Amino acid sequence: MHNPTIRNWRYLPILLSALLASCAGQSDVTVLKLGHALDTGHTVHKGMVHMAERLDLYSGGKMKIEIYPSGQLGSERQLVELLQIGSLAMTKVSSSPLESFVPEMKVFSLPYVFRDHAHFRKALDSKVGQSLLLAPEKVRLRGLGYYDAGSRSFYTTDKPVTTPADLKGLKIRVQKSQTSVDMIAAMGGAATPISWGELYTALQQGVVDGAENNPPSLFLSRQYEVSRYYSLDEHTFVPDILLMSLHIWNSLSEQEQVWLQQAVKDSVVFQGELWQQASDDALAAIEASGVEIIRPDKQPFMDAVVEMKAAYEGTPVGDMLNAINAL
């Protein structure tokens, strides 16, 4: 994601399948096409369905959202690039890979920034959180809202992780985020960026020894079938971000923007209410399947990354860390 422009004709099939998916005008109806890579059982997808329903209600049928889940229109990176050229209206991305576009997003991939879930939500609603939401505008993207993705923890195939020392020699899958790579290195492991769709096979075949994610993602992906241990160290809270093509956002009328933003706000609340129950249910199902759930002492993990976080002192990210810590 280092080059934020689309190149050559490699996405022509996606463009055709998206049918120039911006604001496809049908009489006086504005249709926004939304593509994402999540399973339809995921709370974020359900939040998006709620958003579409609310937008239809607020606009009196003048605006509609068509949702294409499960990677139908391409990978997360491809969808972001389609937004940038205005060929797709909306998508969902994890904030970690976005740091390739917006360096300030590193703050979400740094470990132990948030004291707990309440502190995390407060930070998202703060001036820092809202400024980060608009930061992608410089790369032709507009953040509309944050979806809850809980906390990320380690799961492994053959060896439990109870302290950072247990990560030594283990290959741990991370998202395509340099900050995530640095975090694993600070804790003693070897970070291996692998796409989400390839991870089940990578775990099964021993390409990696483990990964890190939240309970619903571990459960819905069925990766718990090949991961015997889940260590709830809760090292990061990485939100999902609902992104929109800045070109398409600017093409909407002021009234349409108001309707859409209110629908987004409703969907964020709706998804947040679903999230905690989904996380609890997923964890219970994972444990019932035979996975050993470990609740380690978090302090050794926090101690392992002190120097990593200290390196940001005096930088814009460091200033954000201080502002978040002061909340």
Protein backbone atom coordinates (compact mmCIF):
# COMPACT_ATOMS: atom_id res chain seq x y z
CA MET A 1 0.00 0.00 0.00
CA HIS A 2 3.01 2.27 -0.24
CA ASN A 3 2.00 3.64 -3.65
CA PRO A 4 -1.47 5.16 -3.25
CA THR A 5 -2.24 5.23 -6.98
CA ILE A 6 -3.69 2.53 -9.15
CA ARG A 7 -1.41 1.33 -11.96
CA ASN A 8 -1.85 -0.16 -15.44
CA TRP A 9 -4.90 -2.35 -16.15
CA ARG A 10 -4.55 -4.95 -13.41
CA TYR A 11 -7.84 -3.94 -11.78
CA LEU A 12 -9.90 -3.72 -14.97
CA PRO A 13 -11.95 -6.86 -14.11
CA ILE A 14 -12.76 -5.37 -10.71
CA LEU A 15 -13.69 -2.07 -12.25
CA LEU A 16 -16.03 -3.79 -14.66
CA SER A 17 -17.57 -5.93 -11.94
CA ALA A 18 -18.11 -2.87 -9.81
CA LEU A 19 -19.92 -1.29 -12.77
CA LEU A 20 -18.30 2.04 -12.15
CA ALA A 21 -19.51 1.70 -8.63
CA SER A 22 -19.50 5.31 -7.56
CA CYS A 23 -22.82 7.10 -7.36
CA ALA A 24 -24.77 5.24 -9.98
CA GLY A 25 -27.64 7.53 -10.72
CA GLN A 26 -30.98 5.84 -11.37
CA SER A 27 -33.48 8.63 -11.93
CA ASP A 28 -33.17 10.68 -8.73
CA VAL A 29 -31.75 7.85 -6.57
CA THR A 30 -28.09 7.98 -5.51
CA VAL A 31 -26.65 4.48 -5.16
CA LEU A 32 -23.44 4.03 -3.18
CA LYS A 33 -21.60 0.74 -3.65
CA LEU A 34 -19.76 -0.64 -0.61
CA GLY A 35 -17.31 -3.54 -0.87
CA HIS A 36 -15.54 -5.32 1.99
CA ALA A 37 -13.74 -8.57 2.75
CA LEU A 38 -15.60 -9.69 5.88
CA ASP A 39 -17.93 -12.64 6.40
CA THR A 40 -21.63 -11.75 6.44
CA GLY A 41 -21.85 -13.04 10.01
CA HIS A 42 -19.43 -10.38 11.24
CA THR A 43 -20.83 -7.55 13.36
CA VAL A 44 -19.27 -4.95 11.04
CA HIS A 45 -21.22 -6.34 8.08
CA LYS A 46 -24.36 -6.26 10.18
CA GLY A 47 -23.57 -2.66 11.10
CA MET A 48 -23.27 -1.81 7.42
CA VAL A 49 -26.65 -3.41 6.68
CA HIS A 50 -28.12 -1.25 9.45
CA MET A 51 -26.45 1.81 7.91
CA ALA A 52 -28.06 1.05 4.54
CA GLU A 53 -31.46 0.72 6.19
CA ARG A 54 -31.08 3.99 8.09
CA LEU A 55 -29.86 5.88 5.01
CA ASP A 56 -32.87 4.66 3.04
CA LEU A 57 -35.10 5.89 5.87
CA TYR A 58 -33.42 9.28 6.34
CA SER A 59 -33.34 10.04 2.62
CA GLY A 60 -36.88 8.83 1.91
CA GLY A 61 -35.50 6.35 -0.58
CA LYS A 62 -33.36 8.92 -2.42
CA MET A 63 -30.10 7.28 -1.30
CA LYS A 64 -29.24 3.59 -1.18
CA ILE A 65 -26.20 1.50 -0.29
CA GLU A 66 -25.46 -1.74 -2.12
CA ILE A 67 -23.14 -4.03 -0.11
CA TYR A 68 -20.73 -6.53 -1.66
CA PRO A 69 -19.22 -8.64 1.19
CA SER A 70 -16.64 -11.44 1.38
CA GLY A 71 -14.13 -9.93 -1.04
CA GLN A 72 -16.45 -10.05 -4.06
CA LEU A 73 -14.92 -6.86 -5.47
CA GLY A 74 -11.33 -7.52 -4.46
CA SER A 75 -8.91 -7.54 -1.54
CA GLU A 76 -8.77 -4.80 1.08
CA ARG A 77 -5.91 -3.08 -0.72
CA GLN A 78 -7.66 -3.26 -4.09
CA LEU A 79 -10.84 -1.82 -2.60
CA VAL A 80 -8.96 1.13 -1.10
CA GLU A 81 -7.35 1.88 -4.46
CA LEU A 82 -10.77 1.73 -6.14
CA LEU A 83 -11.98 4.33 -3.65
CA GLN A 84 -9.06 6.58 -4.51
CA ILE A 85 -9.96 6.72 -8.19
CA GLY A 86 -13.67 7.10 -7.47
CA SER A 87 -14.74 3.71 -8.86
CA LEU A 88 -16.11 2.48 -5.53
CA ALA A 89 -17.90 4.54 -2.91
CA MET A 90 -17.09 2.86 0.43
CA THR A 91 -15.14 0.10 2.13
CA LYS A 92 -13.95 -1.05 5.54
CA VAL A 93 -10.29 -1.30 6.48
CA SER A 94 -8.39 -2.08 9.64
CA SER A 95 -6.49 1.00 10.77
CA SER A 96 -3.15 -0.88 10.85
CA PRO A 97 -2.57 -1.22 7.07
CA LEU A 98 -3.73 2.40 6.68
CA GLU A 99 -0.48 3.58 8.26
CA SER A 100 1.14 3.06 4.83
CA PHE A 101 -1.10 5.92 3.63
CA VAL A 102 -1.40 7.89 6.86
CA PRO A 103 1.59 7.54 9.24
CA GLU A 104 -0.43 8.92 12.15
CA MET A 105 -2.47 5.70 12.13
CA LYS A 106 0.54 4.02 13.77
CA VAL A 107 -0.92 5.07 17.11
CA PHE A 108 -3.50 2.26 16.87
CA SER A 109 -0.89 -0.42 16.14
CA LEU A 110 1.30 0.51 19.09
CA PRO A 111 0.85 -1.89 22.02
CA TYR A 112 -0.79 -0.97 25.31
CA VAL A 113 -1.85 2.53 24.30
CA PHE A 114 -5.31 2.08 25.82
CA ARG A 115 -5.93 1.10 29.43
CA ASP A 116 -9.18 -0.72 28.67
CA HIS A 117 -12.12 -0.73 26.27
CA ALA A 118 -13.75 2.32 27.85
CA HIS A 119 -10.52 4.33 27.43
CA PHE A 120 -10.33 3.15 23.81
CA ARG A 121 -13.87 4.33 23.01
CA LYS A 122 -13.22 7.65 24.73
CA ALA A 123 -10.11 8.14 22.60
CA LEU A 124 -12.02 7.46 19.37
CA ASP A 125 -14.58 10.13 20.30
CA SER A 126 -11.89 12.65 21.32
CA LYS A 127 -10.30 15.36 19.18
CA VAL A 128 -7.38 13.01 18.50
CA GLY A 129 -9.68 10.24 17.27
CA GLN A 130 -11.72 12.55 15.08
CA SER A 131 -8.62 14.18 13.56
CA LEU A 132 -7.30 10.73 12.65
CA LEU A 133 -10.60 9.95 10.94
CA LEU A 134 -10.10 12.89 8.56
CA ALA A 135 -6.35 12.41 8.07
CA PRO A 136 -6.76 10.10 5.01
CA GLU A 137 -8.20 13.02 3.00
CA LYS A 138 -4.66 13.81 1.82
CA VAL A 139 -4.74 10.49 -0.09
CA ARG A 140 -8.26 10.99 -1.46
CA LEU A 141 -10.04 9.02 1.26
CA ARG A 142 -12.50 10.21 3.89
CA GLY A 143 -13.03 8.42 7.17
CA LEU A 144 -16.69 8.29 8.17
CA GLY A 145 -16.61 6.34 11.43
CA TYR A 146 -14.93 3.73 13.60
CA TYR A 147 -16.27 0.22 14.02
CA ASP A 148 -15.33 -1.69 17.15
CA ALA A 149 -12.84 -4.51 16.61
CA GLY A 150 -12.06 -5.14 20.26
CA SER A 151 -8.57 -6.10 21.40
CA ARG A 152 -6.03 -8.30 19.65
CA SER A 153 -4.31 -11.22 21.38
CA PHE A 154 -1.97 -14.06 20.40
CA TYR A 155 -3.09 -17.50 19.26
CA THR A 156 -0.63 -20.28 18.49
CA THR A 157 -0.65 -23.78 17.07
CA ASP A 158 1.74 -25.79 19.28
CA LYS A 159 3.05 -23.67 22.15
CA PRO A 160 1.18 -21.48 24.63
CA VAL A 161 2.26 -17.86 25.08
CA THR A 162 2.26 -16.89 28.74
CA THR A 163 5.17 -14.38 28.67
CA PRO A 164 7.03 -12.54 25.90
CA ALA A 165 9.83 -15.11 26.28
CA ASP A 166 7.45 -17.73 24.83
CA LEU A 167 7.39 -15.81 21.54
CA LYS A 168 11.11 -16.33 20.97
CA GLY A 169 11.64 -18.35 17.81
CA LEU A 170 7.96 -18.21 16.82
CA LYS A 171 6.79 -16.85 13.47
CA ILE A 172 3.72 -14.71 14.17
CA ARG A 173 1.45 -13.48 11.40
CA VAL A 174 0.71 -9.76 11.47
CA GLN A 175 -1.10 -7.34 9.19
CA LYS A 176 0.93 -5.38 6.64
CA SER A 177 1.96 -2.82 9.24
CA GLN A 178 5.56 -1.95 10.10
CA THR A 179 4.47 -0.97 13.60
CA SER A 180 3.01 -4.45 14.13
CA VAL A 181 6.26 -5.99 12.84
CA ASP A 182 8.24 -3.86 15.30
CA MET A 183 5.95 -4.86 18.17
CA ILE A 184 6.48 -8.59 17.59
CA ALA A 185 10.24 -8.03 17.34
CA ALA A 186 10.25 -6.10 20.63
CA MET A 187 8.50 -9.03 22.30
CA GLY A 188 11.01 -11.52 20.88
CA GLY A 189 9.06 -13.08 18.02
CA ALA A 190 9.49 -13.02 14.23
CA ALA A 191 6.71 -11.11 12.48
CA THR A 192 5.42 -12.48 9.17
CA PRO A 193 2.92 -10.37 7.19
CA ILE A 194 0.41 -12.67 5.46
CA SER A 195 -2.96 -11.81 3.94
CA TRP A 196 -6.01 -12.78 5.98
CA GLY A 197 -7.36 -15.11 3.32
CA GLU A 198 -4.13 -17.17 3.32
CA LEU A 199 -3.72 -17.42 7.09
CA TYR A 200 -5.69 -20.60 7.82
CA THR A 201 -3.52 -22.60 5.43
CA ALA A 202 -0.35 -20.91 6.70
CA LEU A 203 -1.17 -21.98 10.26
CA GLN A 204 -2.17 -25.47 9.16
CA GLN A 205 1.03 -26.01 7.18
CA GLY A 206 3.38 -24.44 9.74
CA VAL A 207 4.33 -21.46 7.59
CA VAL A 208 3.63 -19.45 10.75
CA ASP A 209 3.38 -20.62 14.36
CA GLY A 210 0.64 -18.22 15.35
CA ALA A 211 -1.14 -14.94 14.76
CA GLU A 212 -3.00 -12.25 16.69
CA ASN A 213 -6.57 -11.06 16.46
CA ASN A 214 -9.86 -10.64 18.32
CA PRO A 215 -12.19 -13.52 19.30
CA PRO A 216 -14.88 -13.05 16.59
CA SER A 217 -12.27 -12.97 13.83
CA LEU A 218 -10.57 -16.09 15.20
CA PHE A 219 -13.93 -17.86 15.45
CA LEU A 220 -15.52 -16.82 12.13
CA SER A 221 -12.34 -17.63 10.20
CA ARG A 222 -12.29 -21.09 11.83
CA GLN A 223 -8.59 -20.60 12.51
CA TYR A 224 -9.22 -21.91 16.01
CA GLU A 225 -9.41 -25.36 14.36
CA VAL A 226 -5.64 -25.21 13.80
CA SER A 227 -4.69 -23.09 16.82
CA ARG A 228 -4.62 -24.86 20.18
CA TYR A 229 -3.83 -21.86 22.42
CA TYR A 230 -5.32 -18.38 22.76
CA SER A 231 -3.47 -16.00 25.09
CA LEU A 232 -5.54 -12.95 26.03
CA ASP A 233 -2.73 -10.44 26.46
CA GLU A 234 -4.85 -7.77 24.67
CA HIS A 235 -1.83 -5.91 23.31
CA THR A 236 -3.67 -3.61 20.90
CA PHE A 237 -7.09 -2.11 20.26
CA VAL A 238 -7.18 -1.64 16.49
CA PRO A 239 -10.46 -0.20 15.17
CA ASP A 240 -11.98 -0.83 11.78
CA ILE A 241 -12.51 2.35 9.80
CA LEU A 242 -15.36 2.99 7.38
CA LEU A 243 -13.76 4.80 4.43
CA MET A 244 -15.35 6.68 1.56
CA SER A 245 -13.93 7.93 -1.71
CA LEU A 246 -13.26 11.63 -1.15
CA HIS A 247 -14.26 12.30 -4.77
CA ILE A 248 -17.65 10.66 -4.25
CA TRP A 249 -18.15 12.33 -0.85
CA ASN A 250 -17.53 15.73 -2.45
CA SER A 251 -19.99 14.90 -5.24
CA LEU A 252 -22.84 14.53 -2.72
CA SER A 253 -25.06 17.43 -1.84
CA GLU A 254 -24.82 18.89 1.65
CA GLN A 255 -28.14 17.26 2.56
CA GLU A 256 -26.95 13.87 1.25
CA GLN A 257 -23.78 14.17 3.35
CA VAL A 258 -25.89 14.88 6.45
CA TRP A 259 -28.12 11.85 5.80
CA LEU A 260 -25.13 9.59 5.21
CA GLN A 261 -23.17 10.76 8.24
CA GLN A 262 -26.20 10.23 10.50
CA ALA A 263 -26.70 6.73 9.08
CA VAL A 264 -23.03 5.99 9.76
CA LYS A 265 -23.36 7.24 13.33
CA ASP A 266 -26.36 4.97 13.89
CA SER A 267 -24.51 1.98 12.44
CA VAL A 268 -21.48 2.57 14.66
CA VAL A 269 -23.70 2.51 17.75
CA PHE A 270 -25.56 -0.55 16.50
CA GLN A 271 -22.35 -2.48 15.71
CA GLY A 272 -20.83 -1.51 19.06
CA GLU A 273 -23.82 -3.00 20.86
CA LEU A 274 -23.43 -6.24 18.92
CA TRP A 275 -19.68 -6.44 19.38
CA GLN A 276 -19.33 -7.33 23.05
CA GLN A 277 -21.90 -10.12 22.88
CA ALA A 278 -20.32 -11.47 19.70
CA SER A 279 -16.89 -11.39 21.35
CA ASP A 280 -18.13 -13.22 24.45
CA ASP A 281 -19.98 -15.81 22.35
CA ALA A 282 -16.96 -16.37 20.10
CA LEU A 283 -14.62 -16.85 23.05
CA ALA A 284 -17.01 -19.36 24.63
CA ALA A 285 -17.30 -21.29 21.35
CA ILE A 286 -13.53 -21.34 20.88
CA GLU A 287 -13.02 -22.66 24.40
CA ALA A 288 -15.76 -25.27 23.94
CA SER A 289 -13.95 -26.52 20.83
CA GLY A 290 -10.94 -27.45 22.96
CA VAL A 291 -8.73 -24.39 22.57
CA GLU A 292 -6.90 -23.54 25.80
CA ILE A 293 -7.69 -19.96 26.87
CA ILE A 294 -4.81 -18.30 28.72
CA ARG A 295 -5.09 -15.07 30.70
CA PRO A 296 -1.47 -14.04 31.25
CA ASP A 297 -0.01 -11.29 33.41
CA LYS A 298 0.13 -8.34 30.99
CA GLN A 299 2.91 -6.46 32.78
CA PRO A 300 5.84 -8.42 31.21
CA PHE A 301 4.36 -7.74 27.76
CA MET A 302 4.00 -4.05 28.59
CA ASP A 303 7.58 -3.91 29.87
CA ALA A 304 8.87 -5.49 26.64
CA VAL A 305 7.59 -2.62 24.49
CA VAL A 306 8.55 0.38 26.67
CA GLU A 307 11.54 1.31 24.50
CA MET A 308 9.57 0.86 21.31
CA LYS A 309 6.95 3.38 22.46
CA ALA A 310 9.56 5.75 23.89
CA ALA A 311 11.08 6.11 20.42
CA TYR A 312 8.04 8.17 19.40
CA GLU A 313 8.65 10.92 21.97
CA GLY A 314 8.78 14.31 20.27
CA THR A 315 6.96 13.10 17.15
CA PRO A 316 3.33 13.71 16.09
CA VAL A 317 2.54 10.10 17.05
CA GLY A 318 4.18 10.68 20.43
CA ASP A 319 2.04 13.77 20.95
CA MET A 320 -1.05 11.67 20.20
CA LEU A 321 0.08 9.05 22.70
CA ASN A 322 0.41 11.70 25.39
CA ALA A 323 -3.02 13.15 24.58
CA ILE A 324 -4.64 9.72 24.68
CA ASN A 325 -2.90 8.83 27.93
CA ALA A 326 -4.20 12.06 29.49
CA LEU A 327 -7.84 11.23 28.74
